[in-house]
Amino acid sequence: DADHDGVAETRTVFLQNLNSPFGMTLVGND
């Protein structure tokens, strides 16, 4: 949501070919 209007204007496939993914967390660049 680049213009911060509460609606996502763009979407991209960030990661694929996973196996029933669920939780996500970022630590530094990991």
PDB file of all heavy atoms in Angstrom:
ATOM      1  N   ASP A   1       0.869  -1.182   0.000  1.00  0.00           N
ATOM      2  CA  ASP A   1       0.000   0.000   0.000  1.00  0.00           C
ATOM      3  C   ASP A   1       0.906   1.232   0.000  1.00  0.00           C
ATOM      4  O   ASP A   1       1.144   1.850   1.031  1.00  0.00           O
ATOM      5  CB  ASP A   1      -0.917  -0.029   1.228  1.00  0.00           C
ATOM      6  CG  ASP A   1      -1.789   1.214   1.355  1.00  0.00           C
ATOM      7  OD1 ASP A   1      -1.925   1.954   0.370  1.00  0.00           O
ATOM      8  OD2 ASP A   1      -2.310   1.436   2.474  1.00  0.00           O
ATOM      9  N   ALA A   2       1.408   1.579  -1.168  1.00  0.00           N
ATOM     10  CA  ALA A   2       2.425   2.629  -1.261  1.00  0.00           C
ATOM     11  C   ALA A   2       1.896   4.009  -0.902  1.00  0.00           C
ATOM     12  O   ALA A   2       2.629   4.842  -0.365  1.00  0.00           O
ATOM     13  CB  ALA A   2       3.021   2.653  -2.669  1.00  0.00           C
ATOM     14  N   ASP A   3       0.609   4.258  -1.200  1.00  0.00           N
ATOM     15  CA  ASP A   3       0.070   5.593  -0.924  1.00  0.00           C
ATOM     16  C   ASP A   3      -0.647   5.671   0.417  1.00  0.00           C
ATOM     17  O   ASP A   3      -1.252   6.688   0.755  1.00  0.00           O
ATOM     18  CB  ASP A   3      -0.852   6.050  -2.058  1.00  0.00           C
ATOM     19  CG  ASP A   3      -2.061   5.138  -2.246  1.00  0.00           C
ATOM     20  OD1 ASP A   3      -2.225   4.176  -1.452  1.00  0.00           O
ATOM     21  OD2 ASP A   3      -2.839   5.370  -3.193  1.00  0.00           O
ATOM     22  N   HIS A   4      -0.601   4.588   1.205  1.00  0.00           N
ATOM     23  CA  HIS A   4      -1.142   4.567   2.575  1.00  0.00           C
ATOM     24  C   HIS A   4      -2.619   4.946   2.638  1.00  0.00           C
ATOM     25  O   HIS A   4      -3.053   5.594   3.593  1.00  0.00           O
ATOM     26  CB  HIS A   4      -0.332   5.485   3.497  1.00  0.00           C
ATOM     27  CG  HIS A   4       1.140   5.224   3.466  1.00  0.00           C
ATOM     28  ND1 HIS A   4       1.690   3.969   3.640  1.00  0.00           N
ATOM     29  CD2 HIS A   4       2.188   6.065   3.279  1.00  0.00           C
ATOM     30  CE1 HIS A   4       3.006   4.037   3.573  1.00  0.00           C
ATOM     31  NE2 HIS A   4       3.340   5.299   3.340  1.00  0.00           N
ATOM     32  N   ASP A   5      -3.393   4.478   1.652  1.00  0.00           N
ATOM     33  CA  ASP A   5      -4.828   4.767   1.670  1.00  0.00           C
ATOM     34  C   ASP A   5      -5.644   3.598   2.212  1.00  0.00           C
ATOM     35  O   ASP A   5      -6.867   3.613   2.173  1.00  0.00           O
ATOM     36  CB  ASP A   5      -5.321   5.140   0.268  1.00  0.00           C
ATOM     37  CG  ASP A   5      -5.254   3.979  -0.721  1.00  0.00           C
ATOM     38  OD1 ASP A   5      -4.612   2.950  -0.400  1.00  0.00           O
ATOM     39  OD2 ASP A   5      -5.836   4.094  -1.819  1.00  0.00           O
ATOM     40  N   GLY A   6      -4.978   2.578   2.728  1.00  0.00           N
ATOM     41  CA  GLY A   6      -5.689   1.443   3.311  1.00  0.00           C
ATOM     42  C   GLY A   6      -6.072   0.366   2.324  1.00  0.00           C
ATOM     43  O   GLY A   6      -6.804  -0.565   2.675  1.00  0.00           O
ATOM     44  N   VAL A   7      -5.567   0.463   1.085  1.00  0.00           N
ATOM     45  CA  VAL A   7      -5.834  -0.547   0.058  1.00  0.00           C
ATOM     46  C   VAL A   7      -4.503  -0.886  -0.615  1.00  0.00           C
ATOM     47  O   VAL A   7      -3.753   0.008  -1.020  1.00  0.00           O
ATOM     48  CB  VAL A   7      -6.833  -0.053  -0.996  1.00  0.00           C
ATOM     49  CG1 VAL A   7      -7.038  -1.113  -2.082  1.00  0.00           C
ATOM     50  CG2 VAL A   7      -8.170   0.305  -0.350  1.00  0.00           C
ATOM     51  N   ALA A   8      -4.193  -2.171  -0.735  1.00  0.00           N
ATOM     52  CA  ALA A   8      -2.959  -2.587  -1.398  1.00  0.00           C
ATOM     53  C   ALA A   8      -3.109  -2.410  -2.906  1.00  0.00           C
ATOM     54  O   ALA A   8      -3.991  -3.012  -3.516  1.00  0.00           O
ATOM     55  CB  ALA A   8      -2.654  -4.035  -1.060  1.00  0.00           C
ATOM     56  N   GLU A   9      -2.241  -1.577  -3.487  1.00  0.00           N
ATOM     57  CA  GLU A   9      -2.312  -1.349  -4.933  1.00  0.00           C
ATOM     58  C   GLU A   9      -1.611  -2.439  -5.729  1.00  0.00           C
ATOM     59  O   GLU A   9      -1.973  -2.721  -6.864  1.00  0.00           O
ATOM     60  CB  GLU A   9      -1.672  -0.009  -5.316  1.00  0.00           C
ATOM     61  CG  GLU A   9      -2.272   1.210  -4.669  1.00  0.00           C
ATOM     62  CD  GLU A   9      -1.580   1.540  -3.359  1.00  0.00           C
ATOM     63  OE1 GLU A   9      -0.371   1.270  -3.228  1.00  0.00           O
ATOM     64  OE2 GLU A   9      -2.268   2.055  -2.457  1.00  0.00           O
ATOM     65  N   THR A  10      -0.572  -3.014  -5.147  1.00  0.00           N
ATOM     66  CA  THR A  10       0.200  -4.015  -5.873  1.00  0.00           C
ATOM     67  C   THR A  10       0.341  -5.274  -5.050  1.00  0.00           C
ATOM     68  O   THR A  10       0.317  -5.253  -3.818  1.00  0.00           O
ATOM     69  CB  THR A  10       1.608  -3.486  -6.229  1.00  0.00           C
ATOM     70  OG1 THR A  10       2.307  -3.176  -5.018  1.00  0.00           O
ATOM     71  CG2 THR A  10       1.514  -2.234  -7.091  1.00  0.00           C
ATOM     72  N   ARG A  11       0.479  -6.376  -5.767  1.00  0.00           N
ATOM     73  CA  ARG A  11       0.772  -7.647  -5.117  1.00  0.00           C
ATOM     74  C   ARG A  11       1.729  -8.431  -5.996  1.00  0.00           C
ATOM     75  O   ARG A  11       1.669  -8.369  -7.222  1.00  0.00           O
ATOM     76  CB  ARG A  11      -0.489  -8.457  -4.846  1.00  0.00           C
ATOM     77  CG  ARG A  11      -1.151  -9.065  -6.066  1.00  0.00           C
ATOM     78  CD  ARG A  11      -2.392  -9.847  -5.698  1.00  0.00           C
ATOM     79  NE  ARG A  11      -3.446  -8.981  -5.187  1.00  0.00           N
ATOM     80  CZ  ARG A  11      -4.654  -9.400  -4.814  1.00  0.00           C
ATOM     81  NH1 ARG A  11      -4.944 -10.684  -4.887  1.00  0.00           N
ATOM     82  NH2 ARG A  11      -5.544  -8.565  -4.375  1.00  0.00           N
ATOM     83  N   THR A  12       2.630  -9.139  -5.365  1.00  0.00           N
ATOM     84  CA  THR A  12       3.581  -9.974  -6.085  1.00  0.00           C
ATOM     85  C   THR A  12       3.714 -11.301  -5.364  1.00  0.00           C
ATOM     86  O   THR A  12       3.499 -11.394  -4.150  1.00  0.00           O
ATOM     87  CB  THR A  12       4.971  -9.307  -6.181  1.00  0.00           C
ATOM     88  OG1 THR A  12       5.430  -9.013  -4.855  1.00  0.00           O
ATOM     89  CG2 THR A  12       4.921  -8.029  -6.993  1.00  0.00           C
ATOM     90  N   VAL A  13       4.074 -12.329  -6.126  1.00  0.00           N
ATOM     91  CA  VAL A  13       4.379 -13.616  -5.509  1.00  0.00           C
ATOM     92  C   VAL A  13       5.755 -13.495  -4.878  1.00  0.00           C
ATOM     93  O   VAL A  13       6.767 -13.377  -5.571  1.00  0.00           O
ATOM     94  CB  VAL A  13       4.351 -14.744  -6.542  1.00  0.00           C
ATOM     95  CG1 VAL A  13       4.781 -16.060  -5.888  1.00  0.00           C
ATOM     96  CG2 VAL A  13       2.946 -14.889  -7.131  1.00  0.00           C
ATOM     97  N   PHE A  14       5.792 -13.485  -3.576  1.00  0.00           N
ATOM     98  CA  PHE A  14       7.023 -13.258  -2.818  1.00  0.00           C
ATOM     99  C   PHE A  14       7.825 -14.545  -2.686  1.00  0.00           C
ATOM    100  O   PHE A  14       9.042 -14.563  -2.883  1.00  0.00           O
ATOM    101  CB  PHE A  14       6.648 -12.691  -1.452  1.00  0.00           C
ATOM    102  CG  PHE A  14       7.803 -12.194  -0.642  1.00  0.00           C
ATOM    103  CD1 PHE A  14       8.513 -11.068  -1.023  1.00  0.00           C
ATOM    104  CD2 PHE A  14       8.186 -12.845   0.527  1.00  0.00           C
ATOM    105  CE1 PHE A  14       9.584 -10.598  -0.271  1.00  0.00           C
ATOM    106  CE2 PHE A  14       9.237 -12.387   1.287  1.00  0.00           C
ATOM    107  CZ  PHE A  14       9.941 -11.260   0.884  1.00  0.00           C
ATOM    108  N   LEU A  15       7.157 -15.639  -2.327  1.00  0.00           N
ATOM    109  CA  LEU A  15       7.763 -16.960  -2.230  1.00  0.00           C
ATOM    110  C   LEU A  15       6.762 -17.986  -2.728  1.00  0.00           C
ATOM    111  O   LEU A  15       5.549 -17.855  -2.472  1.00  0.00           O
ATOM    112  CB  LEU A  15       8.138 -17.292  -0.780  1.00  0.00           C
ATOM    113  CG  LEU A  15       9.352 -16.589  -0.178  1.00  0.00           C
ATOM    114  CD1 LEU A  15       9.392 -16.799   1.331  1.00  0.00           C
ATOM    115  CD2 LEU A  15      10.641 -17.082  -0.812  1.00  0.00           C
ATOM    116  N   GLN A  16       7.244 -19.004  -3.422  1.00  0.00           N
ATOM    117  CA  GLN A  16       6.346 -20.042  -3.912  1.00  0.00           C
ATOM    118  C   GLN A  16       6.991 -21.409  -3.766  1.00  0.00           C
ATOM    119  O   GLN A  16       8.138 -21.529  -3.324  1.00  0.00           O
ATOM    120  CB  GLN A  16       5.957 -19.775  -5.360  1.00  0.00           C
ATOM    121  CG  GLN A  16       7.086 -19.637  -6.328  1.00  0.00           C
ATOM    122  CD  GLN A  16       6.608 -19.197  -7.701  1.00  0.00           C
ATOM    123  OE1 GLN A  16       5.477 -19.467  -8.105  1.00  0.00           O
ATOM    124  NE2 GLN A  16       7.456 -18.497  -8.421  1.00  0.00           N
ATOM    125  N   ASN A  17       6.214 -22.433  -4.103  1.00  0.00           N
ATOM    126  CA  ASN A  17       6.670 -23.825  -3.994  1.00  0.00           C
ATOM    127  C   ASN A  17       7.053 -24.194  -2.564  1.00  0.00           C
ATOM    128  O   ASN A  17       7.997 -24.949  -2.328  1.00  0.00           O
ATOM    129  CB  ASN A  17       7.841 -24.078  -4.945  1.00  0.00           C
ATOM    130  CG  ASN A  17       7.483 -23.809  -6.394  1.00  0.00           C
ATOM    131  OD1 ASN A  17       6.384 -24.173  -6.837  1.00  0.00           O
ATOM    132  ND2 ASN A  17       8.365 -23.157  -7.127  1.00  0.00           N
ATOM    133  N   LEU A  18       6.296 -23.642  -1.621  1.00  0.00           N
ATOM    134  CA  LEU A  18       6.469 -23.986  -0.215  1.00  0.00           C
ATOM    135  C   LEU A  18       5.603 -25.198   0.111  1.00  0.00           C
ATOM    136  O   LEU A  18       4.954 -25.775  -0.768  1.00  0.00           O
ATOM    137  CB  LEU A  18       6.116 -22.777   0.647  1.00  0.00           C
ATOM    138  CG  LEU A  18       7.012 -21.546   0.426  1.00  0.00           C
ATOM    139  CD1 LEU A  18       6.400 -20.306   1.072  1.00  0.00           C
ATOM    140  CD2 LEU A  18       8.420 -21.795   0.967  1.00  0.00           C
ATOM    141  N   ASN A  19       5.574 -25.599   1.369  1.00  0.00           N
ATOM    142  CA  ASN A  19       4.807 -26.767   1.789  1.00  0.00           C
ATOM    143  C   ASN A  19       3.904 -26.381   2.949  1.00  0.00           C
ATOM    144  O   ASN A  19       4.288 -26.472   4.107  1.00  0.00           O
ATOM    145  CB  ASN A  19       5.750 -27.912   2.188  1.00  0.00           C
ATOM    146  CG  ASN A  19       5.003 -29.197   2.500  1.00  0.00           C
ATOM    147  OD1 ASN A  19       3.859 -29.380   2.102  1.00  0.00           O
ATOM    148  ND2 ASN A  19       5.663 -30.093   3.216  1.00  0.00           N
ATOM    149  N   SER A  20       2.720 -25.895   2.614  1.00  0.00           N
ATOM    150  CA  SER A  20       1.759 -25.427   3.610  1.00  0.00           C
ATOM    151  C   SER A  20       2.407 -24.452   4.588  1.00  0.00           C
ATOM    152  O   SER A  20       2.462 -24.693   5.802  1.00  0.00           O
ATOM    153  CB  SER A  20       1.115 -26.601   4.357  1.00  0.00           C
ATOM    154  OG  SER A  20       0.362 -27.395   3.478  1.00  0.00           O
ATOM    155  N   PRO A  21       2.880 -23.306   4.068  1.00  0.00           N
ATOM    156  CA  PRO A  21       3.516 -22.310   4.944  1.00  0.00           C
ATOM    157  C   PRO A  21       2.504 -21.644   5.855  1.00  0.00           C
ATOM    158  O   PRO A  21       1.316 -21.565   5.531  1.00  0.00           O
ATOM    159  CB  PRO A  21       4.094 -21.303   3.944  1.00  0.00           C
ATOM    160  CG  PRO A  21       3.141 -21.367   2.785  1.00  0.00           C
ATOM    161  CD  PRO A  21       2.759 -22.822   2.687  1.00  0.00           C
ATOM    162  N   PHE A  22       2.973 -21.137   6.973  1.00  0.00           N
ATOM    163  CA  PHE A  22       2.071 -20.469   7.917  1.00  0.00           C
ATOM    164  C   PHE A  22       2.802 -19.291   8.552  1.00  0.00           C
ATOM    165  O   PHE A  22       2.764 -18.179   8.044  1.00  0.00           O
ATOM    166  CB  PHE A  22       1.571 -21.479   8.949  1.00  0.00           C
ATOM    167  CG  PHE A  22       0.378 -21.019   9.735  1.00  0.00           C
ATOM    168  CD1 PHE A  22      -0.876 -20.967   9.151  1.00  0.00           C
ATOM    169  CD2 PHE A  22       0.504 -20.658  11.068  1.00  0.00           C
ATOM    170  CE1 PHE A  22      -1.991 -20.544   9.873  1.00  0.00           C
ATOM    171  CE2 PHE A  22      -0.593 -20.245  11.805  1.00  0.00           C
ATOM    172  CZ  PHE A  22      -1.842 -20.185  11.202  1.00  0.00           C
ATOM    173  N   GLY A  23       3.534 -19.493   9.637  1.00  0.00           N
ATOM    174  CA  GLY A  23       4.162 -18.387  10.341  1.00  0.00           C
ATOM    175  C   GLY A  23       5.351 -17.806   9.605  1.00  0.00           C
ATOM    176  O   GLY A  23       6.051 -18.498   8.858  1.00  0.00           O
ATOM    177  N   MET A  24       5.610 -16.506   9.843  1.00  0.00           N
ATOM    178  CA  MET A  24       6.718 -15.771   9.234  1.00  0.00           C
ATOM    179  C   MET A  24       7.262 -14.785  10.251  1.00  0.00           C
ATOM    180  O   MET A  24       6.493 -14.177  10.994  1.00  0.00           O
ATOM    181  CB  MET A  24       6.219 -14.989   8.002  1.00  0.00           C
ATOM    182  CG  MET A  24       5.583 -15.845   6.917  1.00  0.00           C
ATOM    183  SD  MET A  24       4.469 -14.866   5.836  1.00  0.00           S
ATOM    184  CE  MET A  24       2.958 -14.817   6.829  1.00  0.00           C
ATOM    185  N   THR A  25       8.579 -14.609  10.267  1.00  0.00           N
ATOM    186  CA  THR A  25       9.175 -13.583  11.119  1.00  0.00           C
ATOM    187  C   THR A  25      10.521 -13.178  10.537  1.00  0.00           C
ATOM    188  O   THR A  25      11.229 -14.000   9.948  1.00  0.00           O
ATOM    189  CB  THR A  25       9.320 -14.070  12.575  1.00  0.00           C
ATOM    190  OG1 THR A  25       9.577 -12.964  13.429  1.00  0.00           O
ATOM    191  CG2 THR A  25      10.442 -15.085  12.731  1.00  0.00           C
ATOM    192  N   LEU A  26      10.875 -11.903  10.689  1.00  0.00           N
ATOM    193  CA  LEU A  26      12.110 -11.351  10.149  1.00  0.00           C
ATOM    194  C   LEU A  26      13.048 -10.972  11.289  1.00  0.00           C
ATOM    195  O   LEU A  26      12.645 -10.292  12.233  1.00  0.00           O
ATOM    196  CB  LEU A  26      11.806 -10.113   9.301  1.00  0.00           C
ATOM    197  CG  LEU A  26      12.993  -9.432   8.619  1.00  0.00           C
ATOM    198  CD1 LEU A  26      13.559 -10.302   7.504  1.00  0.00           C
ATOM    199  CD2 LEU A  26      12.576  -8.060   8.063  1.00  0.00           C
ATOM    200  N   VAL A  27      14.308 -11.417  11.188  1.00  0.00           N
ATOM    201  CA  VAL A  27      15.354 -11.018  12.121  1.00  0.00           C
ATOM    202  C   VAL A  27      16.514 -10.492  11.288  1.00  0.00           C
ATOM    203  O   VAL A  27      17.171 -11.259  10.568  1.00  0.00           O
ATOM    204  CB  VAL A  27      15.822 -12.193  13.001  1.00  0.00           C
ATOM    205  CG1 VAL A  27      16.871 -11.714  14.000  1.00  0.00           C
ATOM    206  CG2 VAL A  27      14.652 -12.835  13.733  1.00  0.00           C
ATOM    207  N   GLY A  28      16.756  -9.192  11.346  1.00  0.00           N
ATOM    208  CA  GLY A  28      17.771  -8.609  10.482  1.00  0.00           C
ATOM    209  C   GLY A  28      17.381  -8.806   9.029  1.00  0.00           C
ATOM    210  O   GLY A  28      16.295  -8.400   8.603  1.00  0.00           O
ATOM    211  N   ASN A  29      18.245  -9.448   8.260  1.00  0.00           N
ATOM    212  CA  ASN A  29      17.934  -9.766   6.864  1.00  0.00           C
ATOM    213  C   ASN A  29      17.573 -11.231   6.671  1.00  0.00           C
ATOM    214  O   ASN A  29      17.548 -11.723   5.535  1.00  0.00           O
ATOM    215  CB  ASN A  29      19.128  -9.416   5.960  1.00  0.00           C
ATOM    216  CG  ASN A  29      19.315  -7.917   5.821  1.00  0.00           C
ATOM    217  OD1 ASN A  29      20.173  -7.338   6.467  1.00  0.00           O
ATOM    218  ND2 ASN A  29      18.493  -7.277   5.001  1.00  0.00           N
ATOM    219  N   ASP A  30      17.261 -11.916   7.773  1.00  0.00           N
ATOM    220  CA  ASP A  30      16.855 -13.320   7.707  1.00  0.00           C
ATOM    221  C   ASP A  30      15.349 -13.422   7.895  1.00  0.00           C
ATOM    222  O   ASP A  30      14.813 -13.047   8.955  1.00  0.00           O
ATOM    223  CB  ASP A  30      17.558 -14.133   8.790  1.00  0.00           C
ATOM    224  CG  ASP A  30      19.052 -14.259   8.563  1.00  0.00           C
ATOM    225  OD1 ASP A  30      19.473 -14.240   7.383  1.00  0.00           O
ATOM    226  OD2 ASP A  30      19.799 -14.361   9.556  1.00  0.00           O
TER     227      ASP A  30
END
